[in-house]
Amino acid sequence: MVFYYASFVAETNAWWLRRVRPIWAGALGVWLYSIFYRYYFFGKVQAYWQTTIPEDEWRRRAQVNKRDWGYKPLYMPHLERSRKKQIYDVLGVENYRKASEFPERYMGENRTLEEILSEEENWE
């Protein structure tokens, strides 16, 4: 029996198409369906699932996840070189939000833009 290269290619190609193509084509199909499902149906399923949860469970979850949203420092600084610690030492923790004062610097100023720019140019 003589085995020619052309028949080797044909048989190998047929084996590939018959045995291997269903594996990667099936994996590709599963992946594409998962994307399709996630895009079109996942939110609907989750919304429906949330409607089945009783109100007492929502109240329990709210209490578990309750946070204090009032203003407070997220951490107390301990390093001496920390800028926040330096401000705390000078101002105190209570006054940290008011670290800089904003004087009424520009209130009641009636100068025109040209006057202000001319003063800027002649500042020497």
N, C-alpha and C. Protein backbone atom coordinates (compact mmCIF):
# COMPACT_ATOMS: atom_id res chain seq x y z
N MET A 1 0.84 -1.18 0.00
CA MET A 1 0.00 0.00 0.00
C MET A 1 0.89 1.24 0.00
N VAL A 2 0.59 2.10 -0.88
CA VAL A 2 1.37 3.32 -1.03
C VAL A 2 0.58 4.46 -0.37
N PHE A 3 1.32 5.23 0.42
CA PHE A 3 0.68 6.34 1.13
C PHE A 3 1.20 7.64 0.55
N TYR A 4 0.33 8.38 -0.08
CA TYR A 4 0.72 9.62 -0.72
C TYR A 4 0.46 10.80 0.22
N TYR A 5 1.22 11.86 -0.01
CA TYR A 5 1.10 13.05 0.84
C TYR A 5 -0.29 13.67 0.71
N ALA A 6 -0.84 13.63 -0.49
CA ALA A 6 -2.16 14.23 -0.70
C ALA A 6 -3.22 13.51 0.13
N SER A 7 -3.15 12.20 0.21
CA SER A 7 -4.12 11.48 1.02
C SER A 7 -3.88 11.72 2.51
N PHE A 8 -2.61 11.92 2.90
CA PHE A 8 -2.31 12.24 4.30
C PHE A 8 -2.97 13.57 4.68
N VAL A 9 -2.84 14.57 3.82
CA VAL A 9 -3.45 15.88 4.08
C VAL A 9 -4.96 15.75 4.14
N ALA A 10 -5.52 14.99 3.23
CA ALA A 10 -6.98 14.84 3.20
C ALA A 10 -7.48 14.13 4.44
N GLU A 11 -6.78 13.06 4.86
CA GLU A 11 -7.22 12.33 6.05
C GLU A 11 -7.01 13.15 7.32
N THR A 12 -5.90 13.86 7.36
CA THR A 12 -5.64 14.69 8.55
C THR A 12 -6.66 15.82 8.63
N ASN A 13 -6.96 16.38 7.49
CA ASN A 13 -7.94 17.46 7.46
C ASN A 13 -9.32 16.94 7.86
N ALA A 14 -9.65 15.76 7.37
CA ALA A 14 -10.93 15.18 7.73
C ALA A 14 -10.98 14.86 9.22
N TRP A 15 -9.88 14.37 9.78
CA TRP A 15 -9.83 14.06 11.22
C TRP A 15 -10.00 15.35 12.03
N TRP A 16 -9.31 16.40 11.59
CA TRP A 16 -9.42 17.69 12.29
C TRP A 16 -10.86 18.18 12.28
N LEU A 17 -11.48 18.12 11.12
CA LEU A 17 -12.85 18.62 11.01
C LEU A 17 -13.82 17.74 11.81
N ARG A 18 -13.59 16.46 11.85
CA ARG A 18 -14.51 15.55 12.49
C ARG A 18 -14.33 15.52 14.01
N ARG A 19 -13.10 15.59 14.49
CA ARG A 19 -12.83 15.40 15.92
C ARG A 19 -12.58 16.70 16.70
N VAL A 20 -11.87 17.63 16.10
CA VAL A 20 -11.43 18.81 16.86
C VAL A 20 -12.38 19.99 16.70
N ARG A 21 -12.94 20.15 15.51
CA ARG A 21 -13.80 21.31 15.30
C ARG A 21 -14.99 21.36 16.26
N PRO A 22 -15.64 20.25 16.59
CA PRO A 22 -16.74 20.36 17.55
C PRO A 22 -16.31 20.86 18.92
N ILE A 23 -15.08 20.61 19.30
CA ILE A 23 -14.61 21.05 20.62
C ILE A 23 -14.50 22.57 20.65
N TRP A 24 -13.74 23.14 19.71
CA TRP A 24 -13.57 24.59 19.78
C TRP A 24 -14.83 25.33 19.35
N ALA A 25 -15.59 24.73 18.44
CA ALA A 25 -16.84 25.39 18.04
C ALA A 25 -17.84 25.38 19.20
N GLY A 26 -17.88 24.28 19.94
CA GLY A 26 -18.76 24.22 21.11
C GLY A 26 -18.34 25.21 22.19
N ALA A 27 -17.02 25.30 22.43
CA ALA A 27 -16.52 26.26 23.42
C ALA A 27 -16.84 27.69 22.99
N LEU A 28 -16.67 27.98 21.70
CA LEU A 28 -17.00 29.30 21.20
C LEU A 28 -18.49 29.60 21.34
N GLY A 29 -19.32 28.59 21.06
CA GLY A 29 -20.76 28.78 21.20
C GLY A 29 -21.17 29.04 22.64
N VAL A 30 -20.56 28.31 23.60
CA VAL A 30 -20.86 28.53 25.02
C VAL A 30 -20.44 29.93 25.43
N TRP A 31 -19.28 30.36 24.98
CA TRP A 31 -18.78 31.69 25.34
C TRP A 31 -19.69 32.77 24.76
N LEU A 32 -20.09 32.63 23.50
CA LEU A 32 -20.97 33.63 22.89
C LEU A 32 -22.35 33.65 23.57
N TYR A 33 -22.87 32.48 23.93
CA TYR A 33 -24.15 32.45 24.63
C TYR A 33 -24.04 33.10 26.01
N SER A 34 -22.91 32.89 26.68
CA SER A 34 -22.76 33.52 28.00
C SER A 34 -22.74 35.03 27.88
N ILE A 35 -22.11 35.55 26.83
CA ILE A 35 -22.13 37.01 26.61
C ILE A 35 -23.55 37.48 26.30
N PHE A 36 -24.25 36.74 25.45
CA PHE A 36 -25.62 37.09 25.10
C PHE A 36 -26.52 37.08 26.33
N TYR A 37 -26.41 36.03 27.14
CA TYR A 37 -27.23 35.92 28.34
C TYR A 37 -26.92 37.05 29.31
N ARG A 38 -25.65 37.32 29.53
CA ARG A 38 -25.26 38.37 30.46
C ARG A 38 -25.81 39.72 30.02
N TYR A 39 -25.77 39.98 28.72
CA TYR A 39 -26.22 41.28 28.21
C TYR A 39 -27.73 41.42 28.28
N TYR A 40 -28.45 40.38 27.86
CA TYR A 40 -29.89 40.51 27.71
C TYR A 40 -30.71 40.05 28.92
N PHE A 41 -30.24 39.08 29.68
CA PHE A 41 -31.09 38.46 30.68
C PHE A 41 -30.59 38.56 32.11
N PHE A 42 -29.31 38.81 32.33
CA PHE A 42 -28.79 38.77 33.69
C PHE A 42 -29.45 39.83 34.57
N GLY A 43 -29.60 41.05 34.06
CA GLY A 43 -30.23 42.11 34.85
C GLY A 43 -31.67 41.81 35.16
N LYS A 44 -32.39 41.20 34.21
CA LYS A 44 -33.79 40.86 34.45
C LYS A 44 -33.91 39.78 35.52
N VAL A 45 -33.03 38.79 35.45
CA VAL A 45 -33.06 37.71 36.44
C VAL A 45 -32.73 38.26 37.82
N GLN A 46 -31.75 39.14 37.90
CA GLN A 46 -31.38 39.71 39.20
C GLN A 46 -32.49 40.61 39.74
N ALA A 47 -33.12 41.38 38.88
CA ALA A 47 -34.23 42.23 39.32
C ALA A 47 -35.38 41.38 39.84
N TYR A 48 -35.69 40.29 39.14
CA TYR A 48 -36.75 39.41 39.62
C TYR A 48 -36.36 38.76 40.94
N TRP A 49 -35.11 38.35 41.06
CA TRP A 49 -34.65 37.72 42.29
C TRP A 49 -34.77 38.69 43.48
N GLN A 50 -34.48 39.96 43.24
CA GLN A 50 -34.57 40.93 44.32
C GLN A 50 -36.02 41.16 44.75
N THR A 51 -36.97 41.00 43.84
CA THR A 51 -38.37 41.18 44.23
C THR A 51 -38.87 40.03 45.09
N THR A 52 -38.18 38.90 45.06
CA THR A 52 -38.62 37.76 45.87
C THR A 52 -38.10 37.84 47.30
N ILE A 53 -37.20 38.75 47.60
CA ILE A 53 -36.63 38.87 48.94
C ILE A 53 -37.62 39.65 49.81
N PRO A 54 -37.95 39.15 50.99
CA PRO A 54 -38.91 39.88 51.85
C PRO A 54 -38.32 41.18 52.40
N GLU A 55 -39.21 42.05 52.82
CA GLU A 55 -38.79 43.37 53.29
C GLU A 55 -37.96 43.29 54.56
N ASP A 56 -38.23 42.32 55.40
CA ASP A 56 -37.44 42.16 56.63
C ASP A 56 -35.98 41.86 56.30
N GLU A 57 -35.76 41.09 55.27
CA GLU A 57 -34.38 40.79 54.87
C GLU A 57 -33.67 42.05 54.36
N TRP A 58 -34.41 42.90 53.62
CA TRP A 58 -33.81 44.16 53.17
C TRP A 58 -33.46 45.05 54.36
N ARG A 59 -34.34 45.08 55.35
CA ARG A 59 -34.04 45.89 56.54
C ARG A 59 -32.82 45.35 57.28
N ARG A 60 -32.70 44.02 57.37
CA ARG A 60 -31.53 43.42 58.03
C ARG A 60 -30.25 43.76 57.28
N ARG A 61 -30.31 43.66 55.96
CA ARG A 61 -29.12 44.00 55.16
C ARG A 61 -28.76 45.47 55.30
N ALA A 62 -29.76 46.34 55.36
CA ALA A 62 -29.49 47.77 55.51
C ALA A 62 -28.81 48.04 56.84
N GLN A 63 -29.23 47.34 57.90
CA GLN A 63 -28.58 47.53 59.20
C GLN A 63 -27.15 47.01 59.20
N VAL A 64 -26.93 45.90 58.50
CA VAL A 64 -25.57 45.34 58.43
C VAL A 64 -24.65 46.28 57.66
N ASN A 65 -25.16 46.87 56.59
CA ASN A 65 -24.33 47.70 55.72
C ASN A 65 -24.42 49.18 56.06
N LYS A 66 -24.99 49.52 57.20
CA LYS A 66 -25.16 50.93 57.56
C LYS A 66 -23.79 51.56 57.85
N ARG A 67 -23.61 52.74 57.34
CA ARG A 67 -22.37 53.48 57.55
C ARG A 67 -22.69 54.85 58.11
N ASP A 68 -21.73 55.40 58.80
CA ASP A 68 -21.85 56.76 59.30
C ASP A 68 -21.29 57.69 58.23
N TRP A 69 -22.20 58.42 57.58
CA TRP A 69 -21.76 59.28 56.49
C TRP A 69 -21.45 60.69 56.96
N GLY A 70 -21.43 60.92 58.26
CA GLY A 70 -21.07 62.23 58.76
C GLY A 70 -19.60 62.50 58.53
N TYR A 71 -19.20 63.77 58.67
CA TYR A 71 -17.79 64.10 58.43
C TYR A 71 -16.95 63.65 59.59
N LYS A 72 -15.96 62.88 59.30
CA LYS A 72 -14.93 62.53 60.27
C LYS A 72 -13.69 62.12 59.52
N PRO A 73 -12.57 62.27 60.14
CA PRO A 73 -11.35 61.86 59.45
C PRO A 73 -11.35 60.35 59.24
N LEU A 74 -10.83 59.93 58.12
CA LEU A 74 -10.81 58.51 57.84
C LEU A 74 -9.79 57.78 58.69
N TYR A 75 -8.78 58.47 59.12
CA TYR A 75 -7.77 57.83 59.96
C TYR A 75 -7.13 58.92 60.80
N MET A 76 -6.57 58.52 61.90
CA MET A 76 -5.81 59.46 62.71
C MET A 76 -4.34 59.30 62.35
N PRO A 77 -3.70 60.37 61.94
CA PRO A 77 -2.30 60.25 61.52
C PRO A 77 -1.38 60.04 62.72
N HIS A 78 -0.36 59.22 62.52
CA HIS A 78 0.60 58.93 63.59
C HIS A 78 2.01 59.39 63.26
N LEU A 79 2.34 59.51 61.99
CA LEU A 79 3.69 59.93 61.64
C LEU A 79 3.86 61.42 61.88
N GLU A 80 5.01 61.81 62.39
CA GLU A 80 5.26 63.22 62.66
C GLU A 80 5.37 64.03 61.38
N ARG A 81 5.82 63.41 60.31
CA ARG A 81 5.98 64.14 59.06
C ARG A 81 4.68 64.27 58.28
N SER A 82 3.61 63.65 58.79
CA SER A 82 2.34 63.69 58.09
C SER A 82 1.79 65.10 58.08
N ARG A 83 1.40 65.57 56.90
CA ARG A 83 0.84 66.91 56.77
C ARG A 83 -0.48 67.01 57.53
N LYS A 84 -1.27 65.94 57.52
CA LYS A 84 -2.54 65.95 58.23
C LYS A 84 -2.29 66.07 59.74
N LYS A 85 -1.27 65.39 60.25
CA LYS A 85 -0.96 65.49 61.68
C LYS A 85 -0.51 66.90 62.04
N GLN A 86 0.26 67.52 61.18
CA GLN A 86 0.69 68.89 61.45
C GLN A 86 -0.50 69.84 61.51
N ILE A 87 -1.45 69.66 60.59
CA ILE A 87 -2.64 70.51 60.61
C ILE A 87 -3.47 70.22 61.85
N TYR A 88 -3.59 68.95 62.22
CA TYR A 88 -4.32 68.60 63.45
C TYR A 88 -3.68 69.25 64.67
N ASP A 89 -2.34 69.24 64.72
CA ASP A 89 -1.66 69.82 65.88
C ASP A 89 -1.90 71.32 65.98
N VAL A 90 -1.96 71.99 64.85
CA VAL A 90 -2.15 73.44 64.86
C VAL A 90 -3.61 73.81 65.07
N LEU A 91 -4.51 73.17 64.31
CA LEU A 91 -5.91 73.57 64.32
C LEU A 91 -6.78 72.73 65.24
N GLY A 92 -6.36 71.52 65.53
CA GLY A 92 -7.23 70.60 66.25
C GLY A 92 -8.09 69.83 65.26
N VAL A 93 -8.59 68.70 65.71
CA VAL A 93 -9.36 67.83 64.82
C VAL A 93 -10.68 68.48 64.43
N GLU A 94 -11.28 69.23 65.32
CA GLU A 94 -12.59 69.81 65.04
C GLU A 94 -12.52 70.85 63.93
N ASN A 95 -11.42 71.59 63.87
CA ASN A 95 -11.30 72.68 62.90
C ASN A 95 -10.60 72.26 61.62
N TYR A 96 -10.46 70.99 61.41
CA TYR A 96 -9.72 70.53 60.23
C TYR A 96 -10.41 70.93 58.94
N ARG A 97 -11.72 70.94 58.93
CA ARG A 97 -12.44 71.33 57.71
C ARG A 97 -12.25 72.80 57.39
N LYS A 98 -11.99 73.59 58.41
CA LYS A 98 -11.80 75.02 58.21
C LYS A 98 -10.32 75.35 58.28
N ALA A 99 -9.52 74.58 57.53
CA ALA A 99 -8.07 74.75 57.61
C ALA A 99 -7.61 76.07 57.02
N SER A 100 -8.37 76.62 56.12
CA SER A 100 -7.99 77.91 55.55
C SER A 100 -9.20 78.83 55.55
N GLU A 101 -8.96 80.07 55.84
CA GLU A 101 -10.03 81.04 55.84
C GLU A 101 -10.09 81.71 54.49
N PHE A 102 -11.29 82.04 54.07
CA PHE A 102 -11.47 82.73 52.80
C PHE A 102 -11.99 84.12 53.10
N PRO A 103 -11.10 85.10 53.15
CA PRO A 103 -11.58 86.46 53.43
C PRO A 103 -12.39 86.98 52.25
N GLU A 104 -13.20 87.94 52.53
CA GLU A 104 -14.01 88.52 51.47
C GLU A 104 -13.13 89.44 50.66
N ARG A 105 -12.28 88.83 49.88
CA ARG A 105 -11.22 89.57 49.21
C ARG A 105 -11.73 90.37 48.02
N TYR A 106 -12.66 89.83 47.31
CA TYR A 106 -13.09 90.47 46.08
C TYR A 106 -14.49 91.05 46.18
N MET A 107 -15.03 91.10 47.39
CA MET A 107 -16.37 91.63 47.53
C MET A 107 -16.33 93.16 47.45
N GLY A 108 -17.26 93.73 46.75
CA GLY A 108 -17.36 95.18 46.68
C GLY A 108 -16.31 95.80 45.78
N GLU A 109 -15.67 95.00 44.94
CA GLU A 109 -14.66 95.57 44.05
C GLU A 109 -15.34 95.97 42.75
N ASN A 110 -15.22 97.24 42.39
CA ASN A 110 -15.93 97.75 41.22
C ASN A 110 -14.99 98.09 40.08
N ARG A 111 -13.75 97.63 40.13
CA ARG A 111 -12.82 97.95 39.05
C ARG A 111 -13.15 97.14 37.81
N THR A 112 -12.83 97.70 36.67
CA THR A 112 -13.04 96.98 35.42
C THR A 112 -11.85 96.07 35.16
N LEU A 113 -12.01 95.20 34.20
CA LEU A 113 -10.94 94.27 33.86
C LEU A 113 -9.72 95.02 33.34
N GLU A 114 -9.93 96.07 32.60
CA GLU A 114 -8.80 96.83 32.06
C GLU A 114 -7.98 97.47 33.19
N GLU A 115 -8.66 97.97 34.23
CA GLU A 115 -7.94 98.57 35.36
C GLU A 115 -7.13 97.51 36.10
N ILE A 116 -7.70 96.36 36.30
CA ILE A 116 -6.98 95.30 37.00
C ILE A 116 -5.78 94.86 36.19
N LEU A 117 -5.92 94.71 34.87
CA LEU A 117 -4.81 94.29 34.04
C LEU A 117 -3.74 95.37 33.97
N SER A 118 -4.13 96.61 33.96
CA SER A 118 -3.11 97.67 33.93
C SER A 118 -2.32 97.67 35.24
N GLU A 119 -2.96 97.39 36.36
CA GLU A 119 -2.21 97.29 37.62
C GLU A 119 -1.29 96.07 37.62
N GLU A 120 -1.73 95.00 36.99
CA GLU A 120 -0.88 93.82 36.89
C GLU A 120 0.37 94.09 36.07
N GLU A 121 0.20 94.86 34.99
CA GLU A 121 1.36 95.16 34.13
C GLU A 121 2.33 96.12 34.81
N ASN A 122 1.84 97.01 35.64
CA ASN A 122 2.69 98.03 36.27
C ASN A 122 2.94 97.72 37.74
N TRP A 123 3.18 96.52 38.07
CA TRP A 123 3.33 96.15 39.49
C TRP A 123 4.70 96.51 40.03
N GLU A 124 5.66 96.84 39.18
CA GLU A 124 6.98 97.20 39.68
C GLU A 124 6.90 98.55 40.24
